[in-house]
N, C-alpha and C. Protein backbone atom coordinates (compact mmCIF):
# COMPACT_ATOMS: atom_id res chain seq x y z
N MET A 1 -27.66 -51.51 17.33
CA MET A 1 -28.68 -51.96 18.29
C MET A 1 -28.23 -53.28 18.89
N GLY A 2 -28.22 -53.37 20.22
CA GLY A 2 -27.78 -54.57 20.90
C GLY A 2 -28.79 -55.68 20.82
N ALA A 3 -28.35 -56.89 21.16
CA ALA A 3 -29.23 -58.05 21.12
C ALA A 3 -30.36 -57.87 22.13
N GLY A 4 -31.57 -58.11 21.67
CA GLY A 4 -32.73 -57.99 22.55
C GLY A 4 -33.25 -56.57 22.69
N GLU A 5 -32.51 -55.59 22.18
CA GLU A 5 -32.95 -54.21 22.29
C GLU A 5 -34.00 -53.90 21.22
N TRP A 6 -35.04 -53.19 21.63
CA TRP A 6 -36.11 -52.87 20.68
C TRP A 6 -35.69 -51.73 19.76
N PRO A 7 -36.06 -51.84 18.49
CA PRO A 7 -35.69 -50.77 17.54
C PRO A 7 -36.49 -49.50 17.80
N ARG A 8 -35.95 -48.39 17.34
CA ARG A 8 -36.61 -47.10 17.45
C ARG A 8 -37.07 -46.65 16.06
N HIS A 9 -38.14 -45.86 16.04
CA HIS A 9 -38.65 -45.32 14.78
C HIS A 9 -38.53 -43.80 14.84
N ASP A 10 -38.17 -43.20 13.71
CA ASP A 10 -37.97 -41.75 13.68
C ASP A 10 -39.28 -40.99 13.84
N ASN A 11 -40.39 -41.61 13.48
CA ASN A 11 -41.69 -40.95 13.58
C ASN A 11 -42.28 -41.19 14.97
N LYS A 12 -42.71 -40.13 15.65
CA LYS A 12 -43.19 -40.26 17.03
C LYS A 12 -44.48 -41.07 17.13
N GLU A 13 -45.35 -40.96 16.09
CA GLU A 13 -46.59 -41.74 16.11
C GLU A 13 -46.31 -43.23 16.03
N TRP A 14 -45.38 -43.59 15.15
CA TRP A 14 -45.02 -45.00 15.04
C TRP A 14 -44.27 -45.49 16.28
N GLN A 15 -43.50 -44.60 16.88
CA GLN A 15 -42.79 -45.00 18.09
C GLN A 15 -43.79 -45.30 19.22
N GLU A 16 -44.90 -44.57 19.24
CA GLU A 16 -45.94 -44.86 20.23
C GLU A 16 -46.54 -46.24 20.01
N VAL A 17 -46.71 -46.61 18.74
CA VAL A 17 -47.22 -47.95 18.42
C VAL A 17 -46.25 -49.02 18.92
N ILE A 18 -44.97 -48.80 18.66
CA ILE A 18 -43.94 -49.76 19.08
C ILE A 18 -43.90 -49.88 20.60
N ASP A 19 -43.97 -48.76 21.29
CA ASP A 19 -43.93 -48.78 22.76
C ASP A 19 -45.15 -49.50 23.33
N ARG A 20 -46.32 -49.28 22.71
CA ARG A 20 -47.54 -49.92 23.20
C ARG A 20 -47.47 -51.44 22.98
N ALA A 21 -46.98 -51.84 21.81
CA ALA A 21 -46.85 -53.27 21.52
C ALA A 21 -45.91 -53.94 22.51
N ARG A 22 -44.82 -53.27 22.83
CA ARG A 22 -43.87 -53.83 23.80
C ARG A 22 -44.52 -53.96 25.17
N LYS A 23 -45.27 -52.95 25.58
CA LYS A 23 -45.95 -52.97 26.88
C LYS A 23 -46.95 -54.11 26.98
N LEU A 24 -47.59 -54.44 25.85
CA LEU A 24 -48.63 -55.46 25.84
C LEU A 24 -48.10 -56.86 25.51
N GLY A 25 -46.79 -57.00 25.53
CA GLY A 25 -46.21 -58.34 25.40
C GLY A 25 -45.99 -58.84 23.99
N TRP A 26 -46.00 -57.93 23.00
CA TRP A 26 -45.73 -58.36 21.63
C TRP A 26 -44.23 -58.67 21.49
N PRO A 27 -43.87 -59.59 20.59
CA PRO A 27 -42.44 -59.89 20.36
C PRO A 27 -41.70 -58.69 19.76
N ARG A 28 -40.40 -58.69 19.91
CA ARG A 28 -39.60 -57.60 19.36
C ARG A 28 -39.69 -57.60 17.84
N PRO A 29 -40.02 -56.45 17.23
CA PRO A 29 -40.14 -56.38 15.77
C PRO A 29 -38.77 -56.34 15.09
N GLU A 30 -38.79 -56.64 13.79
CA GLU A 30 -37.55 -56.64 13.00
C GLU A 30 -37.74 -55.78 11.76
N TRP A 31 -36.65 -55.18 11.31
CA TRP A 31 -36.67 -54.42 10.07
C TRP A 31 -36.58 -55.39 8.89
N THR A 32 -37.36 -55.11 7.84
CA THR A 32 -37.26 -55.91 6.62
C THR A 32 -36.03 -55.48 5.84
N SER A 33 -35.53 -56.37 5.03
CA SER A 33 -34.29 -56.07 4.31
C SER A 33 -34.54 -55.39 2.96
N ASN A 34 -35.73 -55.64 2.38
CA ASN A 34 -35.97 -55.06 1.04
C ASN A 34 -36.40 -53.60 1.14
N HIS A 35 -37.69 -53.36 1.46
CA HIS A 35 -38.16 -51.99 1.64
C HIS A 35 -38.18 -51.70 3.13
N PRO A 36 -37.47 -50.64 3.58
CA PRO A 36 -37.33 -50.41 5.02
C PRO A 36 -38.68 -50.32 5.74
N ALA A 37 -39.00 -51.34 6.48
CA ALA A 37 -40.24 -51.36 7.26
C ALA A 37 -40.03 -52.20 8.51
N LEU A 38 -40.63 -51.77 9.57
CA LEU A 38 -40.56 -52.49 10.82
C LEU A 38 -41.82 -53.35 10.93
N VAL A 39 -41.65 -54.65 11.08
CA VAL A 39 -42.79 -55.58 11.10
C VAL A 39 -43.10 -55.98 12.54
N LEU A 40 -44.32 -55.65 12.97
CA LEU A 40 -44.79 -56.02 14.30
C LEU A 40 -45.82 -57.13 14.17
N GLU A 41 -45.65 -58.18 14.97
CA GLU A 41 -46.58 -59.31 14.96
C GLU A 41 -47.03 -59.58 16.39
N CYS A 42 -48.31 -59.93 16.54
CA CYS A 42 -48.86 -60.15 17.87
C CYS A 42 -48.31 -61.45 18.48
N PRO A 43 -48.55 -61.70 19.77
CA PRO A 43 -47.99 -62.89 20.43
C PRO A 43 -48.33 -64.21 19.73
N GLU A 44 -49.46 -64.27 19.01
CA GLU A 44 -49.84 -65.50 18.31
C GLU A 44 -49.52 -65.44 16.82
N ASN A 45 -48.83 -64.39 16.40
CA ASN A 45 -48.42 -64.25 15.01
C ASN A 45 -49.60 -64.37 14.05
N HIS A 46 -50.72 -63.79 14.44
CA HIS A 46 -51.92 -63.86 13.59
C HIS A 46 -51.80 -62.87 12.45
N PRO A 47 -52.10 -63.29 11.23
CA PRO A 47 -51.92 -62.40 10.07
C PRO A 47 -52.76 -61.12 10.14
N GLN A 48 -53.94 -61.18 10.79
CA GLN A 48 -54.78 -59.99 10.88
C GLN A 48 -54.18 -58.94 11.81
N CYS A 49 -53.24 -59.34 12.63
CA CYS A 49 -52.65 -58.40 13.59
C CYS A 49 -51.25 -57.95 13.18
N LYS A 50 -50.82 -58.33 11.99
CA LYS A 50 -49.49 -57.93 11.53
C LYS A 50 -49.51 -56.45 11.12
N ILE A 51 -48.48 -55.74 11.52
CA ILE A 51 -48.39 -54.30 11.25
C ILE A 51 -47.03 -54.00 10.62
N ARG A 52 -47.05 -53.20 9.57
CA ARG A 52 -45.80 -52.77 8.93
C ARG A 52 -45.65 -51.27 9.14
N ALA A 53 -44.59 -50.89 9.79
CA ALA A 53 -44.30 -49.48 10.04
C ALA A 53 -43.19 -49.05 9.10
N TYR A 54 -43.58 -48.39 8.00
CA TYR A 54 -42.60 -47.96 7.02
C TYR A 54 -41.89 -46.69 7.51
N SER A 55 -40.67 -46.56 7.08
CA SER A 55 -39.89 -45.39 7.50
C SER A 55 -40.31 -44.13 6.75
N THR A 56 -40.93 -44.30 5.59
CA THR A 56 -41.39 -43.16 4.79
C THR A 56 -42.77 -43.48 4.24
N GLY A 57 -43.42 -42.46 3.67
CA GLY A 57 -44.72 -42.69 3.04
C GLY A 57 -45.73 -41.65 3.45
N LYS A 58 -46.81 -41.57 2.65
CA LYS A 58 -47.86 -40.61 2.93
C LYS A 58 -48.82 -41.13 4.00
N GLY A 59 -49.45 -40.20 4.68
CA GLY A 59 -50.46 -40.58 5.67
C GLY A 59 -49.89 -41.31 6.87
N THR A 60 -48.64 -41.04 7.20
CA THR A 60 -47.97 -41.77 8.28
C THR A 60 -48.72 -41.66 9.59
N GLU A 61 -49.13 -40.46 9.96
CA GLU A 61 -49.81 -40.24 11.24
C GLU A 61 -51.13 -41.02 11.30
N THR A 62 -51.91 -40.97 10.24
CA THR A 62 -53.20 -41.67 10.20
C THR A 62 -53.01 -43.18 10.31
N VAL A 63 -52.07 -43.71 9.52
CA VAL A 63 -51.81 -45.16 9.55
C VAL A 63 -51.31 -45.58 10.92
N ALA A 64 -50.48 -44.77 11.53
CA ALA A 64 -49.95 -45.10 12.86
C ALA A 64 -51.07 -45.14 13.89
N LYS A 65 -52.00 -44.20 13.83
CA LYS A 65 -53.12 -44.18 14.78
C LYS A 65 -54.00 -45.41 14.60
N GLN A 66 -54.23 -45.79 13.33
CA GLN A 66 -55.01 -47.00 13.06
C GLN A 66 -54.28 -48.24 13.60
N SER A 67 -52.97 -48.24 13.45
CA SER A 67 -52.18 -49.38 13.94
C SER A 67 -52.18 -49.44 15.45
N LEU A 68 -52.20 -48.28 16.10
CA LEU A 68 -52.25 -48.25 17.55
C LEU A 68 -53.55 -48.88 18.06
N ARG A 69 -54.65 -48.57 17.37
CA ARG A 69 -55.94 -49.18 17.74
C ARG A 69 -55.91 -50.68 17.50
N LYS A 70 -55.22 -51.10 16.44
CA LYS A 70 -55.12 -52.53 16.16
C LYS A 70 -54.36 -53.25 17.27
N VAL A 71 -53.30 -52.62 17.77
CA VAL A 71 -52.54 -53.21 18.88
C VAL A 71 -53.42 -53.31 20.12
N ASP A 72 -54.14 -52.23 20.42
CA ASP A 72 -54.98 -52.20 21.62
C ASP A 72 -56.10 -53.24 21.56
N ARG A 73 -56.63 -53.48 20.37
CA ARG A 73 -57.79 -54.37 20.23
C ARG A 73 -57.42 -55.79 19.83
N CYS A 74 -56.15 -56.07 19.77
CA CYS A 74 -55.72 -57.42 19.39
C CYS A 74 -56.29 -58.44 20.38
N PRO A 75 -57.05 -59.44 19.90
CA PRO A 75 -57.64 -60.44 20.81
C PRO A 75 -56.64 -61.46 21.32
N HIS A 76 -55.40 -61.42 20.80
CA HIS A 76 -54.41 -62.43 21.18
C HIS A 76 -53.41 -61.90 22.21
N ARG A 77 -53.58 -60.68 22.64
CA ARG A 77 -52.63 -60.09 23.59
C ARG A 77 -52.81 -60.70 24.98
N ASN A 78 -51.78 -60.60 25.76
CA ASN A 78 -51.83 -61.09 27.14
C ASN A 78 -52.43 -60.00 28.01
N ILE A 79 -53.65 -60.24 28.52
CA ILE A 79 -54.34 -59.21 29.29
C ILE A 79 -54.52 -59.60 30.75
N VAL A 80 -53.74 -60.58 31.20
CA VAL A 80 -53.88 -61.06 32.58
C VAL A 80 -53.66 -59.93 33.58
N ASP A 81 -52.57 -59.19 33.40
CA ASP A 81 -52.26 -58.11 34.35
C ASP A 81 -53.33 -57.02 34.31
N GLU A 82 -53.82 -56.69 33.11
CA GLU A 82 -54.83 -55.65 32.98
C GLU A 82 -56.16 -56.10 33.61
N LEU A 83 -56.51 -57.37 33.44
CA LEU A 83 -57.72 -57.88 34.07
C LEU A 83 -57.60 -57.85 35.59
N ALA A 84 -56.40 -58.12 36.09
CA ALA A 84 -56.18 -58.06 37.54
C ALA A 84 -56.39 -56.64 38.06
N THR A 85 -55.96 -55.64 37.27
CA THR A 85 -56.17 -54.25 37.66
C THR A 85 -57.66 -53.90 37.65
N VAL A 86 -58.38 -54.39 36.63
CA VAL A 86 -59.83 -54.17 36.58
C VAL A 86 -60.50 -54.79 37.80
N ASP A 87 -60.09 -56.01 38.14
CA ASP A 87 -60.66 -56.69 39.32
C ASP A 87 -60.41 -55.88 40.59
N ASP A 88 -59.22 -55.30 40.70
CA ASP A 88 -58.91 -54.48 41.89
C ASP A 88 -59.86 -53.29 41.98
N HIS A 89 -60.11 -52.63 40.85
CA HIS A 89 -61.02 -51.48 40.85
C HIS A 89 -62.45 -51.91 41.20
N LEU A 90 -62.89 -53.03 40.64
CA LEU A 90 -64.24 -53.50 40.90
C LEU A 90 -64.40 -53.96 42.35
N ASP A 91 -63.37 -54.61 42.89
CA ASP A 91 -63.41 -55.02 44.29
C ASP A 91 -63.50 -53.80 45.21
N ALA A 92 -62.73 -52.77 44.89
CA ALA A 92 -62.77 -51.55 45.70
C ALA A 92 -64.14 -50.90 45.63
N ALA A 93 -64.71 -50.84 44.41
CA ALA A 93 -66.05 -50.25 44.26
C ALA A 93 -67.08 -51.03 45.08
N GLU A 94 -66.99 -52.36 45.06
CA GLU A 94 -67.94 -53.17 45.81
C GLU A 94 -67.80 -52.95 47.31
N ARG A 95 -66.56 -52.80 47.78
CA ARG A 95 -66.34 -52.52 49.21
C ARG A 95 -66.93 -51.17 49.60
N PHE A 96 -66.71 -50.16 48.76
CA PHE A 96 -67.23 -48.83 49.07
C PHE A 96 -68.76 -48.82 49.09
N ILE A 97 -69.37 -49.47 48.11
CA ILE A 97 -70.83 -49.51 48.07
C ILE A 97 -71.36 -50.26 49.28
N GLY A 98 -70.74 -51.40 49.61
CA GLY A 98 -71.17 -52.16 50.78
C GLY A 98 -71.04 -51.37 52.07
N ALA A 99 -69.95 -50.61 52.19
CA ALA A 99 -69.75 -49.80 53.39
C ALA A 99 -70.81 -48.70 53.48
N ALA A 100 -71.14 -48.09 52.32
CA ALA A 100 -72.17 -47.05 52.30
C ALA A 100 -73.52 -47.63 52.71
N GLU A 101 -73.84 -48.82 52.21
CA GLU A 101 -75.11 -49.46 52.56
C GLU A 101 -75.16 -49.78 54.05
N THR A 102 -74.01 -50.23 54.60
CA THR A 102 -73.96 -50.56 56.03
C THR A 102 -74.16 -49.33 56.89
N LEU A 103 -73.48 -48.23 56.53
CA LEU A 103 -73.63 -47.00 57.30
C LEU A 103 -75.07 -46.48 57.24
N HIS A 104 -75.67 -46.59 56.07
CA HIS A 104 -77.06 -46.13 55.93
C HIS A 104 -77.99 -47.00 56.78
N ALA A 105 -77.78 -48.32 56.73
CA ALA A 105 -78.62 -49.23 57.52
C ALA A 105 -78.47 -48.94 59.01
N ARG A 106 -77.27 -48.66 59.45
CA ARG A 106 -77.05 -48.34 60.86
C ARG A 106 -77.74 -47.04 61.24
N GLY A 107 -77.72 -46.09 60.30
CA GLY A 107 -78.40 -44.83 60.57
C GLY A 107 -79.90 -45.02 60.73
N VAL A 108 -80.48 -45.87 59.87
CA VAL A 108 -81.91 -46.16 59.97
C VAL A 108 -82.23 -46.82 61.30
N LEU A 109 -81.40 -47.77 61.72
CA LEU A 109 -81.63 -48.45 62.99
C LEU A 109 -81.44 -47.50 64.18
N ASP A 110 -80.44 -46.62 64.08
CA ASP A 110 -80.24 -45.64 65.15
C ASP A 110 -81.47 -44.76 65.31
N GLN A 111 -82.07 -44.38 64.20
CA GLN A 111 -83.27 -43.55 64.25
C GLN A 111 -84.42 -44.30 64.94
N ARG A 112 -84.56 -45.58 64.61
CA ARG A 112 -85.62 -46.37 65.24
C ARG A 112 -85.36 -46.57 66.74
N ILE A 113 -84.09 -46.71 67.10
CA ILE A 113 -83.74 -46.83 68.52
C ILE A 113 -84.14 -45.57 69.28
N ASP A 114 -83.87 -44.40 68.68
CA ASP A 114 -84.27 -43.14 69.31
C ASP A 114 -85.78 -43.06 69.48
N GLU A 115 -86.51 -43.55 68.46
CA GLU A 115 -87.97 -43.53 68.54
C GLU A 115 -88.47 -44.45 69.67
N LEU A 116 -87.86 -45.61 69.80
CA LEU A 116 -88.26 -46.54 70.85
C LEU A 116 -87.94 -45.99 72.24
N LEU A 117 -86.80 -45.32 72.34
CA LEU A 117 -86.46 -44.72 73.63
C LEU A 117 -87.46 -43.64 74.01
N ALA A 118 -87.90 -42.86 72.99
CA ALA A 118 -88.89 -41.83 73.27
C ALA A 118 -90.22 -42.46 73.69
N LEU A 119 -90.61 -43.55 73.03
CA LEU A 119 -91.83 -44.25 73.41
C LEU A 119 -91.74 -44.83 74.82
N ALA A 120 -90.56 -45.35 75.13
CA ALA A 120 -90.37 -45.92 76.46
C ALA A 120 -90.50 -44.86 77.54
N ALA A 121 -89.98 -43.68 77.24
CA ALA A 121 -90.04 -42.59 78.23
C ALA A 121 -91.48 -42.15 78.48
N GLU A 122 -92.31 -42.25 77.43
CA GLU A 122 -93.69 -41.80 77.54
C GLU A 122 -94.63 -42.92 78.02
N SER A 123 -94.17 -44.15 77.96
CA SER A 123 -95.06 -45.27 78.27
C SER A 123 -95.27 -45.42 79.78
N ILE A 124 -96.52 -45.74 80.14
CA ILE A 124 -96.82 -45.97 81.57
C ILE A 124 -97.44 -47.35 81.77
N ALA A 125 -97.86 -47.98 80.68
CA ALA A 125 -98.45 -49.31 80.80
C ALA A 125 -97.34 -50.34 80.74
N SER A 126 -97.27 -51.22 81.75
CA SER A 126 -96.19 -52.18 81.84
C SER A 126 -96.19 -53.15 80.66
N ALA A 127 -97.37 -53.57 80.18
CA ALA A 127 -97.44 -54.48 79.05
C ALA A 127 -96.87 -53.82 77.79
N GLU A 128 -97.26 -52.55 77.61
CA GLU A 128 -96.75 -51.81 76.46
C GLU A 128 -95.24 -51.61 76.59
N GLN A 129 -94.81 -51.36 77.82
CA GLN A 129 -93.39 -51.18 78.05
C GLN A 129 -92.61 -52.45 77.72
N ALA A 130 -93.18 -53.60 78.06
CA ALA A 130 -92.51 -54.87 77.78
C ALA A 130 -92.34 -55.08 76.28
N LEU A 131 -93.39 -54.72 75.52
CA LEU A 131 -93.30 -54.86 74.07
C LEU A 131 -92.25 -53.93 73.49
N ILE A 132 -92.21 -52.71 74.02
CA ILE A 132 -91.21 -51.74 73.54
C ILE A 132 -89.81 -52.25 73.86
N ASP A 133 -89.66 -52.78 75.10
CA ASP A 133 -88.34 -53.31 75.49
C ASP A 133 -87.92 -54.44 74.57
N GLN A 134 -88.87 -55.30 74.18
CA GLN A 134 -88.55 -56.43 73.32
C GLN A 134 -88.10 -55.94 71.94
N GLU A 135 -88.83 -54.99 71.36
CA GLU A 135 -88.44 -54.48 70.04
C GLU A 135 -87.12 -53.74 70.12
N PHE A 136 -86.93 -53.02 71.25
CA PHE A 136 -85.68 -52.29 71.43
C PHE A 136 -84.50 -53.27 71.41
N ASP A 137 -84.65 -54.39 72.13
CA ASP A 137 -83.58 -55.39 72.16
C ASP A 137 -83.33 -55.98 70.78
N GLU A 138 -84.42 -56.20 70.02
CA GLU A 138 -84.27 -56.77 68.68
C GLU A 138 -83.56 -55.80 67.74
N VAL A 139 -83.94 -54.53 67.81
CA VAL A 139 -83.31 -53.54 66.94
C VAL A 139 -81.84 -53.36 67.32
N MET A 140 -81.54 -53.33 68.61
CA MET A 140 -80.15 -53.22 69.05
C MET A 140 -79.33 -54.40 68.57
N ALA A 141 -79.91 -55.61 68.63
CA ALA A 141 -79.20 -56.80 68.18
C ALA A 141 -78.93 -56.73 66.68
N GLU A 142 -79.91 -56.25 65.92
CA GLU A 142 -79.72 -56.12 64.48
C GLU A 142 -78.65 -55.09 64.15
N ARG A 143 -78.67 -54.00 64.89
CA ARG A 143 -77.65 -52.96 64.66
C ARG A 143 -76.27 -53.49 64.97
N ASP A 144 -76.13 -54.22 66.09
CA ASP A 144 -74.82 -54.74 66.48
C ASP A 144 -74.30 -55.78 65.50
N SER A 145 -75.24 -56.44 64.79
CA SER A 145 -74.82 -57.47 63.84
C SER A 145 -74.22 -56.89 62.57
N LEU A 146 -74.48 -55.61 62.33
CA LEU A 146 -73.92 -54.98 61.14
C LEU A 146 -72.41 -54.82 61.30
N ASP A 147 -71.72 -55.09 60.22
CA ASP A 147 -70.27 -54.98 60.25
C ASP A 147 -69.89 -53.50 60.24
N ALA A 148 -69.23 -53.07 61.32
CA ALA A 148 -68.81 -51.67 61.40
C ALA A 148 -67.63 -51.45 60.46
N ASP A 149 -67.85 -50.65 59.44
CA ASP A 149 -66.80 -50.40 58.45
C ASP A 149 -65.71 -49.52 59.04
N ARG A 150 -64.48 -49.77 58.60
CA ARG A 150 -63.35 -49.01 59.13
C ARG A 150 -63.42 -47.54 58.72
N ARG A 151 -64.17 -47.25 57.66
CA ARG A 151 -64.30 -45.86 57.21
C ARG A 151 -65.53 -45.22 57.84
N GLU A 152 -65.76 -45.50 59.13
CA GLU A 152 -66.98 -45.07 59.80
C GLU A 152 -67.12 -43.55 59.81
N ALA A 153 -65.98 -42.85 59.76
CA ALA A 153 -66.04 -41.39 59.82
C ALA A 153 -66.61 -40.81 58.53
N GLU A 154 -66.59 -41.59 57.45
CA GLU A 154 -67.10 -41.10 56.18
C GLU A 154 -68.62 -41.28 56.12
N SER A 155 -69.23 -40.51 55.26
CA SER A 155 -70.67 -40.63 55.07
C SER A 155 -70.94 -41.57 53.90
N PRO A 156 -72.18 -42.10 53.78
CA PRO A 156 -72.52 -42.93 52.62
C PRO A 156 -72.27 -42.22 51.29
N VAL A 157 -72.51 -40.91 51.25
CA VAL A 157 -72.29 -40.17 50.01
C VAL A 157 -70.80 -40.15 49.66
N ASP A 158 -69.94 -39.95 50.67
CA ASP A 158 -68.49 -39.97 50.41
C ASP A 158 -68.04 -41.33 49.89
N LEU A 159 -68.58 -42.39 50.50
CA LEU A 159 -68.22 -43.74 50.07
C LEU A 159 -68.69 -44.02 48.65
N LEU A 160 -69.87 -43.51 48.28
CA LEU A 160 -70.34 -43.69 46.91
C LEU A 160 -69.46 -42.93 45.92
N ASP A 161 -68.97 -41.77 46.33
CA ASP A 161 -68.05 -41.03 45.47
C ASP A 161 -66.78 -41.84 45.22
N SER A 162 -66.27 -42.48 46.28
CA SER A 162 -65.08 -43.32 46.12
C SER A 162 -65.39 -44.52 45.23
N ALA A 163 -66.58 -45.09 45.38
CA ALA A 163 -66.99 -46.20 44.52
C ALA A 163 -67.05 -45.75 43.07
N SER A 164 -67.56 -44.54 42.83
CA SER A 164 -67.66 -44.03 41.46
C SER A 164 -66.28 -43.89 40.82
N THR A 165 -65.30 -43.46 41.62
CA THR A 165 -63.93 -43.35 41.10
C THR A 165 -63.39 -44.71 40.68
N SER A 166 -63.61 -45.72 41.51
CA SER A 166 -63.15 -47.07 41.19
C SER A 166 -63.87 -47.61 39.96
N LEU A 167 -65.17 -47.36 39.85
CA LEU A 167 -65.92 -47.82 38.68
C LEU A 167 -65.43 -47.13 37.41
N ARG A 168 -65.14 -45.83 37.51
CA ARG A 168 -64.65 -45.10 36.35
C ARG A 168 -63.29 -45.65 35.91
N ASN A 169 -62.41 -45.96 36.86
CA ASN A 169 -61.09 -46.52 36.53
C ASN A 169 -61.24 -47.88 35.86
N ALA A 170 -62.16 -48.69 36.36
CA ALA A 170 -62.39 -50.01 35.76
C ALA A 170 -62.92 -49.86 34.34
N ARG A 171 -63.83 -48.89 34.14
CA ARG A 171 -64.41 -48.68 32.81
C ARG A 171 -63.34 -48.24 31.81
N LEU A 172 -62.45 -47.35 32.23
CA LEU A 172 -61.38 -46.88 31.35
C LEU A 172 -60.43 -48.01 31.00
N GLN A 173 -60.13 -48.87 31.98
CA GLN A 173 -59.24 -49.99 31.74
C GLN A 173 -59.87 -50.99 30.77
N LEU A 174 -61.16 -51.23 30.93
CA LEU A 174 -61.84 -52.19 30.06
C LEU A 174 -62.00 -51.68 28.63
N ARG A 175 -62.05 -50.37 28.48
CA ARG A 175 -62.30 -49.77 27.17
C ARG A 175 -61.27 -50.19 26.13
N ASP A 176 -60.03 -50.39 26.56
CA ASP A 176 -58.96 -50.72 25.62
C ASP A 176 -58.70 -52.21 25.49
N LEU A 177 -59.52 -53.04 26.16
CA LEU A 177 -59.32 -54.49 26.09
C LEU A 177 -60.22 -55.09 25.00
N PRO A 178 -59.84 -56.25 24.45
CA PRO A 178 -60.65 -56.87 23.38
C PRO A 178 -62.04 -57.25 23.90
N GLY A 179 -63.07 -56.62 23.37
CA GLY A 179 -64.42 -56.75 23.91
C GLY A 179 -65.04 -58.12 23.71
N ARG A 180 -64.54 -58.91 22.77
CA ARG A 180 -65.15 -60.21 22.52
C ARG A 180 -64.59 -61.30 23.43
N SER A 181 -63.62 -60.96 24.26
CA SER A 181 -63.04 -61.94 25.19
C SER A 181 -64.04 -62.25 26.31
N ASP A 182 -64.18 -63.55 26.65
CA ASP A 182 -65.09 -63.93 27.73
C ASP A 182 -64.67 -63.31 29.06
N GLU A 183 -63.35 -63.21 29.29
CA GLU A 183 -62.87 -62.61 30.53
C GLU A 183 -63.27 -61.14 30.62
N VAL A 184 -63.17 -60.43 29.50
CA VAL A 184 -63.54 -59.01 29.48
C VAL A 184 -65.05 -58.86 29.65
N ARG A 185 -65.82 -59.72 28.99
CA ARG A 185 -67.28 -59.64 29.10
C ARG A 185 -67.75 -59.86 30.53
N SER A 186 -67.11 -60.79 31.25
CA SER A 186 -67.53 -61.04 32.64
C SER A 186 -67.24 -59.83 33.51
N ARG A 187 -66.10 -59.14 33.26
CA ARG A 187 -65.79 -57.94 34.04
C ARG A 187 -66.75 -56.81 33.68
N GLN A 188 -67.12 -56.73 32.40
CA GLN A 188 -68.06 -55.68 31.98
C GLN A 188 -69.42 -55.90 32.63
N ALA A 189 -69.83 -57.18 32.73
CA ALA A 189 -71.11 -57.48 33.38
C ALA A 189 -71.07 -57.11 34.86
N ARG A 190 -69.95 -57.39 35.51
CA ARG A 190 -69.81 -57.01 36.92
C ARG A 190 -69.79 -55.51 37.09
N LEU A 191 -69.13 -54.81 36.17
CA LEU A 191 -69.11 -53.35 36.20
C LEU A 191 -70.53 -52.80 36.08
N ASP A 192 -71.31 -53.34 35.15
CA ASP A 192 -72.69 -52.88 34.96
C ASP A 192 -73.52 -53.16 36.22
N GLU A 193 -73.31 -54.32 36.82
CA GLU A 193 -74.07 -54.69 38.03
C GLU A 193 -73.76 -53.74 39.18
N LEU A 194 -72.46 -53.45 39.39
CA LEU A 194 -72.08 -52.56 40.48
C LEU A 194 -72.53 -51.13 40.21
N THR A 195 -72.49 -50.71 38.95
CA THR A 195 -72.96 -49.37 38.61
C THR A 195 -74.45 -49.23 38.91
N ALA A 196 -75.23 -50.26 38.56
CA ALA A 196 -76.67 -50.23 38.84
C ALA A 196 -76.92 -50.24 40.35
N ARG A 197 -76.12 -51.00 41.07
CA ARG A 197 -76.26 -51.06 42.53
C ARG A 197 -75.95 -49.70 43.15
N ARG A 198 -74.89 -49.06 42.66
CA ARG A 198 -74.54 -47.72 43.15
C ARG A 198 -75.64 -46.72 42.85
N ASP A 199 -76.16 -46.75 41.61
CA ASP A 199 -77.19 -45.80 41.22
C ASP A 199 -78.47 -46.00 42.03
N GLY A 200 -78.84 -47.26 42.27
CA GLY A 200 -80.03 -47.54 43.06
C GLY A 200 -79.91 -47.05 44.48
N PHE A 201 -78.74 -47.25 45.07
CA PHE A 201 -78.54 -46.80 46.44
C PHE A 201 -78.46 -45.27 46.52
N ARG A 202 -77.89 -44.66 45.48
CA ARG A 202 -77.83 -43.19 45.45
C ARG A 202 -79.24 -42.61 45.38
N ASP A 203 -80.11 -43.24 44.57
CA ASP A 203 -81.51 -42.79 44.51
C ASP A 203 -82.18 -42.92 45.88
N LEU A 204 -81.86 -44.01 46.58
CA LEU A 204 -82.43 -44.20 47.92
C LEU A 204 -82.00 -43.10 48.88
N LEU A 205 -80.73 -42.74 48.81
CA LEU A 205 -80.23 -41.67 49.70
C LEU A 205 -80.85 -40.33 49.40
N HIS A 206 -81.13 -40.08 48.12
CA HIS A 206 -81.66 -38.78 47.72
C HIS A 206 -83.19 -38.80 47.59
N GLY A 207 -83.79 -39.90 48.02
CA GLY A 207 -85.25 -39.96 47.99
C GLY A 207 -85.83 -40.11 46.61
N GLY A 208 -85.06 -40.76 45.69
CA GLY A 208 -85.54 -40.96 44.32
C GLY A 208 -86.52 -42.10 44.26
N PRO A 209 -86.98 -42.43 43.04
CA PRO A 209 -87.97 -43.50 42.86
C PRO A 209 -87.37 -44.87 43.17
């Protein structure tokens, strides 16, 4: 094995543990000289996160799976890149939900504009006509103030579906991160907030409570 090259394990379950540790920034493990075992230590060399992967022994698959969970849940791992991915998913979900809300609001205003035009066509009293014209101008101004989303061809329901995909990706990414980390908790809170916002708007579209 060359300098800097990571060791391989004959057992596929243990090799998965080694590959995961490498991906998450753990230092390269070393074989012990007495009883053949590969020692993995987390970036902070915390004793609770030390793992020994023996070359032989009973229950290898079970121990390897437990060790894989220990690697995933290590509170000392570098999760900056993973948090950035979670942020990307949450940002995308927020954009999709916002776009759906904007399209829905524009649809409501368009409906009111049609109603005002119908009233204007039927109106014969000049005073009443002036009031209708004033409200028409106000509604048109409000509609124009809405930010026209680039995904205008999509419907609010389609945009919510895209938001749901982003939220699901964020949830899956967060599932394997150390839950007691303040950074993870803040992303989980944002995920819950956006999920509630999506659900509330979905109820509005479908005429729910």
